[in-house]
Each structure stands twice: as C-alpha cells, then as structure tokens.
Amino acid sequence: MRVTHVITRLVVGGAQENTLATLRGLQQKPGVQVHLISGPTRGPEGSLEQRAREICSPAPPEQEQNDCSSFTLVPELIRPIHPLKDYLALRALEKIFRRQKPDIVHTHSGKAGFLGRLAAKRAGVPLIFHHIHGPSFGPFQGALANLAFTAAEKRAATVTDHFFCSASAMTRRYLAAGIGKPGKFTRIFSGFNMDPYLNLNASHSLPLRRQLGLDESHFVIGKIGRLFKLKGHADLVTAFAALLPQAPHARLLLVGDGVLRGEIENQIRTLGLTGKVVFTGLVPPDEVARYVGIMDCLAHLSHREALSRALPQALAAGKPVVAYDFDGAEEVCLENVTGFVVRTGDTDAAARRLLQLAGDPALRRRLGQAGAAFVKENFSVEKMVDDQYQVYLKVAAERGLPFSMPHPAVSS
C-alpha cells in the first residue's frame, strides 16, 4: 500500500505534528510505503521540515521495511490564495501523483486539502482521504470568505472517499453545510507521545520556574499555541487582568511565538501587566512537556480549532483546563470532570473559572486526575495510527481494492 500525505506547510503546530506521527506509525505497518508533500515553511512559527526529512528518508539497505519513503517540497503550494501559484501547484501535485502512483492520497489543511484532492482525482488515485484538523469556514470569517471556502470544500468533497475529523464537531459542521455524506466521516483523536507528560516530576519543574522568573508560590496559568489570530491570546490576557486583583500570586505563561507577539506585548503594557506575563518564545515540540510541568492549569480561549492538542497534553500531565466552547473543546474539556468550558468570547466567565482553580488545590487535583485517565485511554499515537490504517483498509474493501485486511476495521 502506497500512501502519500499532502499538507500546506510544516510549521510547528498540532496538524503538522499529527501528520508526522501518522507517517512514522504507518512506516511500521507491513507493506506500507509513505510519502509526504508540503509547501514551503516560512515565518516565526518554526519549522518541522527537518523532522519530516528524517522520517521520510530512505531506510538503510539492511532494513526490509519501507525503503521508498520520500519528502517532496512544492514551492508553489502556499497558504494565501494566489491563482497562478495555485494552478501551478495543482499541476505539480498531479505530476507527482502520476509518478508515485499512490494507492491513497491523504490530505491535510485548507489549501493542500483542496488542491491535493483535485490533483489526486485528475491523476487517477484510487482512494482519496481528507483530514479536517480545523474548520476552513465559520463565524470567525466574513460572509464572502465563508461562501468561497464552503464552495471549495463542497467541490473537493465530490472527489473525497472519506473524511477524518479530529473532533465530532467537525463532522456536524461539515454535514450541516452540505459537505460530504453521513457515514463518510470518522473521528480520530490526534494522538501524541504521552510519556513525557505522564511522567512529569513536580520537583523537576522548580529550576525552569526560577529560570522564567516564577517561584513556588505563583499560580501559573499556561497557554500553548502560535501567537496568531483567533488563537485567543488577547482574550486570555483580558481574563488574566480581570482575575489578578483577587489572585495577585497568579502569573500567565505563553508558550509559543508568532506574528502577533508585538500586539500582545502592547496589550500587556496597556493593562499594566508587565512582569506578570512570561513569554517562552518558540519551543520545540519535544520540549513542550517541560513547560506544561510548571503550569497549574491550562487556559485555551481559541475561537477556531477542531480540537487543540494543547488540551489533552495538559490533561495528560494532570493539569485542569479552561476552554472556550469552540468546536470540539467539550469533547475533551469535560465540564467539571476534566475542566470547565465557557462561552466563546466571555472573558469574565473565563476569569471566574480560573480564579476558582487558583483558590482550590483539591479541585485542581480531582480534575487533573480525571483528565489524565481520559487522555491515556483515548490519545495514544498507536491508537491514532491504527484507527486511520483500519479505515484505509475498510474503505478499500468497500471499493473492492486489493489491499490486505489483517484486523477488524474500526466503525465510522
């Protein structure tokens, strides 16, 4: 089975880490060859291109498995809409598919998802999958943009054999918009390596706290994510300012970097929060667990995401979470079980919940323990990869394609 994944860019982000983990896991399946295609990665969000090259580099001759992996960069595949480059990217992808002859093309993200699926159809690829990591349309955009993106998704859906969703909320959103058909969607949580989070030692976090200007008495509210629009950093700073008078020992830790850093720093100065908010800058994915270890809770006030990987990461470490009710947040941030969900945009409610956690260590422990148990059951990389692989086989069998099917398929 030859599987080619296509993604728009390899910045440091949840969808990208999901894709690379899937590639690595599929390489362990007998008879599976994997390829990756991406557009160029630019900007302050960091790059996973080197990791992609390492994963997709050919295996040594003494290894029997998957010595045909490859990573291809398509310069014309860029995130902004650009008619000429989009056309060139479509042609380039079609050419690559005709050369590689994949059995499956599995696309990720908006631009690569649209162009990749159309190119795969033109190249005669037998099976086409699309992974919805987050919505490309919704109330976060204007009417004209929603019309255009919805139309694009409807067009691409006509050539899509099956959809993977990081949250069931995506299935509901797409079906409500007339995109895809019932029975063609499978929710698969975005798995990650949980060991660094499950094995955190509280005593080991003290040096890092001190390095960042924090001490044992501080109640640290963490946020993991690119400093980018709709990620909710401005709302979180507003909520933090509201709770600080009643919790002067609270501090805000922002893990990540991005184009909005200057704007957020200006907001912090305006609100008189200088010295109360700590920026880590860009943190490699393998180092994120260390920063989760110094948090007392995680706040994720994003306006747009299928299901942020930061939520299960924090829960794996036993940290309760507070999240806006965007898309799939409530599928992991279980109300008063693993954390609290508040209405999107209600910074006062977010502040109240964070203040409640700041003053109740027993509540934090109860929510954190339940969260860790939930994540251990649902978010392993092995489960994520196996579930995707079984859906590949199930859909192939339904189409009468000659792929072996050694295990029962998961239900969609």
Protein backbone atom coordinates (compact mmCIF):
# COMPACT_ATOMS: atom_id res chain seq x y z
CA MET A 1 0.00 0.00 0.00
CA ARG A 2 1.47 3.35 -1.08
CA VAL A 3 0.18 6.33 0.92
CA THR A 4 1.00 9.95 0.10
CA HIS A 5 0.18 12.68 2.63
CA VAL A 6 -0.13 16.30 1.50
CA ILE A 7 -0.05 19.34 3.80
CA THR A 8 0.22 23.05 3.04
CA ARG A 9 3.16 23.80 5.33
CA LEU A 10 5.13 22.24 8.16
CA VAL A 11 5.07 24.91 10.84
CA VAL A 12 5.18 23.87 14.48
CA GLY A 13 1.53 23.04 15.07
CA GLY A 14 -0.89 20.30 16.01
CA ALA A 15 -1.97 19.33 12.48
CA GLN A 16 1.65 19.08 11.39
CA GLU A 17 2.71 17.01 14.39
CA ASN A 18 -0.31 14.76 13.80
CA THR A 19 0.72 14.23 10.19
CA LEU A 20 4.33 13.37 11.00
CA ALA A 21 3.30 11.00 13.79
CA THR A 22 0.95 9.26 11.35
CA LEU A 23 3.71 8.88 8.79
CA ARG A 24 6.07 7.40 11.35
CA GLY A 25 3.41 4.99 12.58
CA LEU A 26 2.38 3.88 9.10
CA GLN A 27 6.00 3.05 8.33
CA GLN A 28 5.74 0.28 10.92
CA LYS A 29 2.84 -1.37 9.11
CA PRO A 30 3.83 -4.28 6.85
CA GLY A 31 3.85 -3.41 3.19
CA VAL A 32 3.10 0.30 3.64
CA GLN A 33 5.19 2.91 1.84
CA VAL A 34 4.71 6.54 2.84
CA HIS A 35 5.42 9.80 1.06
CA LEU A 36 4.95 13.39 2.18
CA ILE A 37 4.37 16.51 0.08
CA SER A 38 4.39 20.01 1.57
CA GLY A 39 4.59 23.59 0.56
CA PRO A 40 7.42 25.81 1.89
CA THR A 41 7.50 26.72 5.58
CA ARG A 42 8.15 30.37 6.41
CA GLY A 43 7.52 32.67 9.36
CA PRO A 44 8.15 32.81 13.10
CA GLU A 45 6.04 29.74 13.95
CA GLY A 46 9.02 27.42 13.48
CA SER A 47 9.51 24.56 11.04
CA LEU A 48 9.18 20.77 11.17
CA GLU A 49 10.71 20.26 7.74
CA GLN A 50 13.89 18.72 9.10
CA ARG A 51 11.91 16.22 11.15
CA ALA A 52 9.87 15.39 8.05
CA ARG A 53 13.05 14.73 6.09
CA GLU A 54 14.32 12.44 8.84
CA ILE A 55 11.08 10.48 8.95
CA CYS A 56 10.82 10.18 5.18
CA SER A 57 14.47 9.44 4.44
CA PRO A 58 15.05 6.03 2.83
CA ALA A 59 15.80 3.22 5.28
CA PRO A 60 19.28 1.63 5.35
CA PRO A 61 19.68 -1.35 2.96
CA GLU A 62 19.70 -3.84 5.86
CA GLN A 63 16.18 -2.79 6.85
CA GLU A 64 13.38 -4.52 4.98
CA GLN A 65 10.56 -2.07 5.68
CA ASN A 66 9.55 0.92 3.62
CA ASP A 67 12.73 1.86 1.82
CA CYS A 68 10.77 4.05 -0.58
CA SER A 69 9.73 6.91 1.70
CA SER A 70 10.21 10.43 0.36
CA PHE A 71 9.59 14.07 1.19
CA THR A 72 8.79 16.47 -1.66
CA LEU A 73 8.61 20.24 -1.39
CA VAL A 74 6.32 22.07 -3.83
CA PRO A 75 7.32 25.78 -3.84
CA GLU A 76 4.03 26.91 -5.40
CA LEU A 77 1.93 25.33 -2.63
CA ILE A 78 1.43 28.37 -0.40
CA ARG A 79 -1.20 29.24 2.19
CA PRO A 80 -2.61 32.51 0.74
CA ILE A 81 -4.88 32.37 -2.30
CA HIS A 82 -2.80 33.05 -5.43
CA PRO A 83 -4.47 31.99 -8.70
CA LEU A 84 -1.28 31.49 -10.71
CA LYS A 85 0.65 29.65 -8.00
CA ASP A 86 -2.43 27.62 -7.09
CA TYR A 87 -2.72 26.45 -10.70
CA LEU A 88 0.98 25.61 -10.82
CA ALA A 89 0.70 23.75 -7.51
CA LEU A 90 -2.25 21.75 -8.84
CA ARG A 91 -0.24 20.72 -11.90
CA ALA A 92 2.83 19.90 -9.80
CA LEU A 93 0.81 17.72 -7.43
CA GLU A 94 -0.84 15.89 -10.32
CA LYS A 95 2.57 15.23 -11.86
CA ILE A 96 3.95 13.88 -8.57
CA PHE A 97 0.94 11.60 -8.08
CA ARG A 98 1.28 10.21 -11.61
CA ARG A 99 4.92 9.45 -10.90
CA GLN A 100 4.45 7.98 -7.42
CA LYS A 101 1.23 6.10 -8.26
CA PRO A 102 -0.09 6.12 -4.68
CA ASP A 103 -2.96 3.86 -3.67
CA ILE A 104 -4.11 6.52 -1.21
CA VAL A 105 -3.72 10.29 -1.06
CA HIS A 106 -4.42 11.70 2.40
CA THR A 107 -4.62 15.50 2.53
CA HIS A 108 -4.43 17.95 5.43
CA SER A 109 -5.22 21.68 5.84
CA GLY A 110 -7.22 24.00 3.60
CA LYS A 111 -5.10 24.75 0.54
CA ALA A 112 -3.39 21.36 0.33
CA GLY A 113 -6.72 19.69 1.06
CA PHE A 114 -8.42 21.39 -1.89
CA LEU A 115 -5.64 21.24 -4.46
CA GLY A 116 -4.38 17.85 -3.31
CA ARG A 117 -7.73 16.16 -3.66
CA LEU A 118 -8.43 17.63 -7.10
CA ALA A 119 -4.96 16.69 -8.31
CA ALA A 120 -5.33 13.16 -6.94
CA LYS A 121 -8.61 12.73 -8.81
CA ARG A 122 -7.05 14.01 -12.04
CA ALA A 123 -4.14 11.60 -11.58
CA GLY A 124 -6.45 8.62 -11.09
CA VAL A 125 -5.55 7.90 -7.45
CA PRO A 126 -7.83 5.06 -6.27
CA LEU A 127 -8.63 6.41 -2.78
CA ILE A 128 -8.70 10.00 -1.52
CA PHE A 129 -8.93 10.90 2.18
CA HIS A 130 -9.08 14.34 3.77
CA HIS A 131 -8.24 15.15 7.39
CA ILE A 132 -10.19 18.03 8.96
CA HIS A 133 -7.95 19.44 11.70
CA GLY A 134 -9.97 22.64 11.91
CA PRO A 135 -12.76 24.39 10.02
CA SER A 136 -12.00 26.47 6.94
CA PHE A 137 -15.32 28.30 7.28
CA GLY A 138 -17.45 29.53 10.16
CA PRO A 139 -18.45 32.60 12.21
CA PHE A 140 -14.82 33.69 12.55
CA GLN A 141 -14.86 34.85 8.91
CA GLY A 142 -16.91 37.23 6.80
CA ALA A 143 -19.79 36.18 4.56
CA LEU A 144 -17.82 36.39 1.30
CA ALA A 145 -14.92 34.30 2.64
CA ASN A 146 -17.35 31.74 4.06
CA LEU A 147 -19.12 31.48 0.72
CA ALA A 148 -15.84 30.90 -1.12
CA PHE A 149 -14.41 28.38 1.33
CA THR A 150 -17.68 26.47 1.64
CA ALA A 151 -17.93 26.23 -2.14
CA ALA A 152 -14.34 24.98 -2.33
CA GLU A 153 -14.99 22.33 0.34
CA LYS A 154 -18.16 21.19 -1.44
CA ARG A 155 -16.24 20.82 -4.71
CA ALA A 156 -13.41 18.86 -3.08
CA ALA A 157 -15.90 16.66 -1.20
CA THR A 158 -17.19 15.29 -4.51
CA VAL A 159 -13.85 13.52 -5.03
CA THR A 160 -13.29 12.54 -1.39
CA ASP A 161 -13.82 8.91 -0.39
CA HIS A 162 -13.64 9.51 3.37
CA PHE A 163 -13.01 12.23 5.94
CA PHE A 164 -11.06 12.02 9.18
CA CYS A 165 -12.01 14.54 11.87
CA SER A 166 -10.06 15.46 14.98
CA ALA A 167 -13.41 16.11 16.69
CA SER A 168 -17.01 15.08 16.08
CA ALA A 169 -17.89 18.77 15.98
CA MET A 170 -16.22 18.92 12.57
CA THR A 171 -18.48 16.18 11.24
CA ARG A 172 -21.55 18.09 12.40
CA ARG A 173 -20.28 21.38 10.96
CA TYR A 174 -19.47 19.91 7.54
CA LEU A 175 -22.70 17.92 7.21
CA ALA A 176 -24.72 20.98 8.24
CA ALA A 177 -23.03 22.92 5.43
CA GLY A 178 -23.91 20.23 2.91
CA ILE A 179 -20.35 18.93 2.65
CA GLY A 180 -19.90 15.18 2.47
CA LYS A 181 -22.39 12.49 3.40
CA PRO A 182 -23.26 10.72 6.67
CA GLY A 183 -21.18 7.60 7.15
CA LYS A 184 -18.19 9.13 5.36
CA PHE A 185 -16.67 10.72 8.48
CA THR A 186 -14.60 9.12 11.24
CA ARG A 187 -13.49 10.90 14.39
CA ILE A 188 -9.90 10.09 15.31
CA PHE A 189 -8.38 11.98 18.21
CA SER A 190 -4.96 13.47 17.48
CA GLY A 191 -2.61 11.17 19.37
CA PHE A 192 0.75 12.19 20.80
CA ASN A 193 3.59 10.71 22.82
CA MET A 194 2.16 10.88 26.32
CA ASP A 195 5.18 9.58 28.23
CA PRO A 196 6.84 12.99 28.80
CA TYR A 197 3.56 14.34 30.22
CA LEU A 198 2.56 11.34 32.31
CA ASN A 199 5.99 11.09 33.89
CA LEU A 200 6.45 14.72 34.92
CA ASN A 201 8.01 15.19 38.35
CA ALA A 202 6.86 18.33 40.16
CA SER A 203 10.25 18.81 41.82
CA HIS A 204 11.95 18.89 38.43
CA SER A 205 9.92 21.94 37.42
CA LEU A 206 11.38 24.27 40.03
CA PRO A 207 14.59 25.16 38.12
CA LEU A 208 12.58 26.02 35.00
CA ARG A 209 10.16 28.13 37.05
CA ARG A 210 13.06 30.07 38.52
CA GLN A 211 14.65 30.45 35.10
CA LEU A 212 11.45 32.14 33.92
CA GLY A 213 11.17 34.36 36.97
CA LEU A 214 8.48 32.25 38.66
CA ASP A 215 8.56 30.72 42.12
CA GLU A 216 6.67 28.03 44.04
CA SER A 217 4.05 30.46 45.33
CA HIS A 218 2.90 31.55 41.85
CA PHE A 219 -0.28 30.12 40.38
CA VAL A 220 0.77 29.61 36.75
CA ILE A 221 -1.90 29.75 34.05
CA GLY A 222 -0.46 28.30 30.85
CA LYS A 223 -1.33 28.76 27.21
CA ILE A 224 0.27 26.74 24.37
CA GLY A 225 -0.13 27.95 20.81
CA ARG A 226 1.16 30.08 17.99
CA LEU A 227 0.73 33.81 18.57
CA PHE A 228 -1.70 34.04 15.70
CA LYS A 229 -5.16 35.43 15.05
CA LEU A 230 -8.13 33.53 16.51
CA LYS A 231 -5.89 31.62 18.95
CA GLY A 232 -7.37 33.64 21.81
CA HIS A 233 -4.28 35.23 23.36
CA ALA A 234 -5.87 38.67 23.61
CA ASP A 235 -8.94 37.24 25.34
CA LEU A 236 -6.75 35.34 27.78
CA VAL A 237 -4.75 38.46 28.66
CA THR A 238 -8.05 40.29 29.27
CA ALA A 239 -9.31 37.48 31.54
CA PHE A 240 -5.99 37.39 33.37
CA ALA A 241 -6.16 41.12 34.06
CA ALA A 242 -9.67 40.67 35.49
CA LEU A 243 -8.67 37.93 37.96
CA LEU A 244 -5.32 39.36 39.06
CA PRO A 245 -6.68 41.75 41.76
CA GLN A 246 -8.19 38.76 43.58
CA ALA A 247 -5.28 36.42 42.83
CA PRO A 248 -2.13 38.56 42.90
CA HIS A 249 0.01 35.42 43.01
CA ALA A 250 -1.22 34.40 39.52
CA ARG A 251 1.08 34.53 36.51
CA LEU A 252 0.43 33.93 32.82
CA LEU A 253 2.81 31.73 30.79
CA LEU A 254 2.53 31.95 26.99
CA VAL A 255 4.30 29.07 25.24
CA GLY A 256 4.93 29.75 21.55
CA ASP A 257 5.71 32.56 19.16
CA GLY A 258 4.18 34.19 16.13
CA VAL A 259 3.28 37.31 14.21
CA LEU A 260 1.07 38.76 16.98
CA ARG A 261 3.76 38.93 19.64
CA GLY A 262 4.20 42.70 19.39
CA GLU A 263 0.45 43.30 19.52
CA ILE A 264 0.07 41.12 22.63
CA GLU A 265 3.01 42.82 24.32
CA ASN A 266 1.34 46.18 23.70
CA GLN A 267 -1.88 44.90 25.28
CA ILE A 268 0.06 43.70 28.31
CA ARG A 269 1.70 47.11 28.76
CA THR A 270 -1.62 48.91 28.33
CA LEU A 271 -3.26 46.78 31.02
CA GLY A 272 -0.37 47.25 33.43
CA LEU A 273 0.59 43.57 33.40
CA THR A 274 4.30 43.97 32.71
CA GLY A 275 6.20 41.42 34.78
CA LYS A 276 3.10 39.28 35.27
CA VAL A 277 3.15 37.60 31.84
CA VAL A 278 6.01 35.39 30.67
CA PHE A 279 6.75 34.63 27.02
CA THR A 280 8.80 31.50 26.33
CA GLY A 281 9.26 32.21 22.64
CA LEU A 282 9.29 29.32 20.18
CA VAL A 283 9.51 25.95 21.95
CA PRO A 284 10.34 22.73 20.03
CA PRO A 285 7.53 20.15 20.30
CA ASP A 286 9.75 17.79 22.28
CA GLU A 287 10.23 20.49 24.94
CA VAL A 288 6.57 21.42 25.45
CA ALA A 289 6.09 18.89 28.27
CA ARG A 290 8.68 20.68 30.43
CA TYR A 291 6.65 23.87 30.27
CA VAL A 292 3.38 22.07 30.95
CA GLY A 293 5.09 20.73 34.06
CA ILE A 294 5.37 24.21 35.59
CA MET A 295 1.72 25.10 34.94
CA ASP A 296 -1.05 24.79 37.50
CA CYS A 297 -3.74 24.83 34.82
CA LEU A 298 -4.09 25.49 31.11
CA ALA A 299 -6.38 28.07 29.51
CA HIS A 300 -7.23 27.73 25.83
CA LEU A 301 -9.53 30.52 24.69
CA SER A 302 -9.26 29.84 20.97
CA HIS A 303 -12.00 30.98 18.61
CA ARG A 304 -11.29 28.42 15.91
CA GLU A 305 -9.94 24.88 16.17
CA ALA A 306 -11.33 21.40 15.77
CA LEU A 307 -9.59 20.22 18.91
CA SER A 308 -6.38 21.76 20.16
CA ARG A 309 -3.65 19.26 21.02
CA ALA A 310 -2.72 21.52 23.96
CA LEU A 311 -5.84 20.37 25.83
CA PRO A 312 -5.01 16.64 26.01
CA GLN A 313 -1.33 17.45 26.58
CA ALA A 314 -2.19 19.42 29.69
CA LEU A 315 -4.66 16.80 30.87
CA ALA A 316 -2.08 14.03 30.41
CA ALA A 317 0.08 15.91 32.90
CA GLY A 318 -2.80 16.15 35.35
CA LYS A 319 -3.45 19.86 34.73
CA PRO A 320 -7.09 21.00 34.60
CA VAL A 321 -8.17 23.04 31.60
CA VAL A 322 -10.44 26.01 30.91
CA ALA A 323 -11.54 26.40 27.30
CA TYR A 324 -13.92 28.30 25.11
CA ASP A 325 -16.75 26.17 23.68
CA PHE A 326 -15.20 26.23 20.18
CA ASP A 327 -15.90 23.21 18.03
CA GLY A 328 -14.57 20.07 19.75
CA ALA A 329 -13.27 21.51 23.02
CA GLU A 330 -16.09 19.99 25.06
CA GLU A 331 -15.15 16.52 23.75
CA VAL A 332 -12.02 16.67 25.92
CA CYS A 333 -12.64 19.53 28.35
CA LEU A 334 -15.49 17.72 30.10
CA GLU A 335 -17.47 20.14 32.24
CA ASN A 336 -16.49 19.83 35.92
CA VAL A 337 -14.84 16.49 35.13
CA THR A 338 -11.56 17.45 33.45
CA GLY A 339 -12.06 21.23 33.44
CA PHE A 340 -14.53 23.95 32.52
CA VAL A 341 -15.98 25.16 29.22
CA VAL A 342 -17.17 28.75 28.88
CA ARG A 343 -18.96 30.54 26.08
CA THR A 344 -16.61 31.81 23.41
CA GLY A 345 -15.81 35.47 23.99
CA ASP A 346 -16.94 35.51 27.63
CA THR A 347 -13.69 36.59 29.24
CA ASP A 348 -15.44 37.32 32.56
CA ALA A 349 -16.60 33.71 32.82
CA ALA A 350 -13.13 32.50 31.92
CA ALA A 351 -11.66 34.70 34.65
CA ARG A 352 -14.12 33.31 37.21
CA ARG A 353 -13.25 29.71 36.39
CA LEU A 354 -9.52 30.40 36.51
CA LEU A 355 -9.96 32.18 39.82
CA GLN A 356 -11.88 29.17 41.13
CA LEU A 357 -8.99 26.88 40.19
CA ALA A 358 -6.46 29.27 41.73
CA GLY A 359 -8.18 29.02 45.09
CA ASP A 360 -8.95 25.30 45.21
CA PRO A 361 -5.99 22.86 45.01
CA ALA A 362 -8.29 19.88 45.72
CA LEU A 363 -10.45 20.77 42.72
CA ARG A 364 -7.36 21.02 40.55
CA ARG A 365 -6.23 17.56 41.65
CA ARG A 366 -9.64 15.99 41.02
CA LEU A 367 -9.98 17.46 37.55
CA GLY A 368 -6.36 16.70 36.68
CA GLN A 369 -6.57 13.05 37.71
CA ALA A 370 -9.75 12.51 35.70
CA GLY A 371 -8.15 14.25 32.71
CA ALA A 372 -5.05 12.08 32.81
CA ALA A 373 -7.15 8.90 32.88
CA PHE A 374 -9.28 10.11 29.94
CA VAL A 375 -6.27 11.00 27.82
CA LYS A 376 -4.43 7.74 28.50
CA GLU A 377 -7.43 5.85 27.18
CA ASN A 378 -8.00 7.94 24.05
CA PHE A 379 -4.89 9.77 22.84
CA SER A 380 -2.07 7.32 22.24
CA VAL A 381 -0.22 7.63 18.92
CA GLU A 382 -0.63 3.90 18.42
CA LYS A 383 -4.43 4.15 18.63
CA MET A 384 -4.49 7.12 16.26
CA VAL A 385 -2.39 5.38 13.62
CA ASP A 386 -4.15 2.03 13.96
CA ASP A 387 -7.57 3.64 13.64
CA GLN A 388 -6.57 5.50 10.48
CA TYR A 389 -4.98 2.40 9.00
CA GLN A 390 -8.09 0.31 9.66
CA VAL A 391 -10.27 2.92 7.96
CA TYR A 392 -7.94 2.83 4.95
CA LEU A 393 -8.48 -0.92 4.76
CA LYS A 394 -12.23 -0.70 5.39
CA VAL A 395 -12.82 1.86 2.63
CA ALA A 396 -10.54 -0.06 0.27
CA ALA A 397 -12.54 -3.23 0.92
CA GLU A 398 -15.79 -1.40 0.25
CA ARG A 399 -14.37 -0.28 -3.09
CA GLY A 400 -13.10 -3.76 -3.92
CA LEU A 401 -9.46 -2.69 -3.97
CA PRO A 402 -6.84 -5.40 -3.40
CA PHE A 403 -5.42 -4.36 -0.01
CA SER A 404 -4.99 -6.98 2.70
CA MET A 405 -7.15 -6.58 5.78
CA PRO A 406 -5.49 -8.39 8.72
CA HIS A 407 -7.54 -6.79 11.51
CA PRO A 408 -11.18 -5.79 12.09
CA ALA A 409 -11.88 -2.29 10.82
CA VAL A 410 -12.98 0.49 13.15
CA SER A 411 -16.52 1.77 12.71
CA SER A 412 -17.04 5.19 11.20
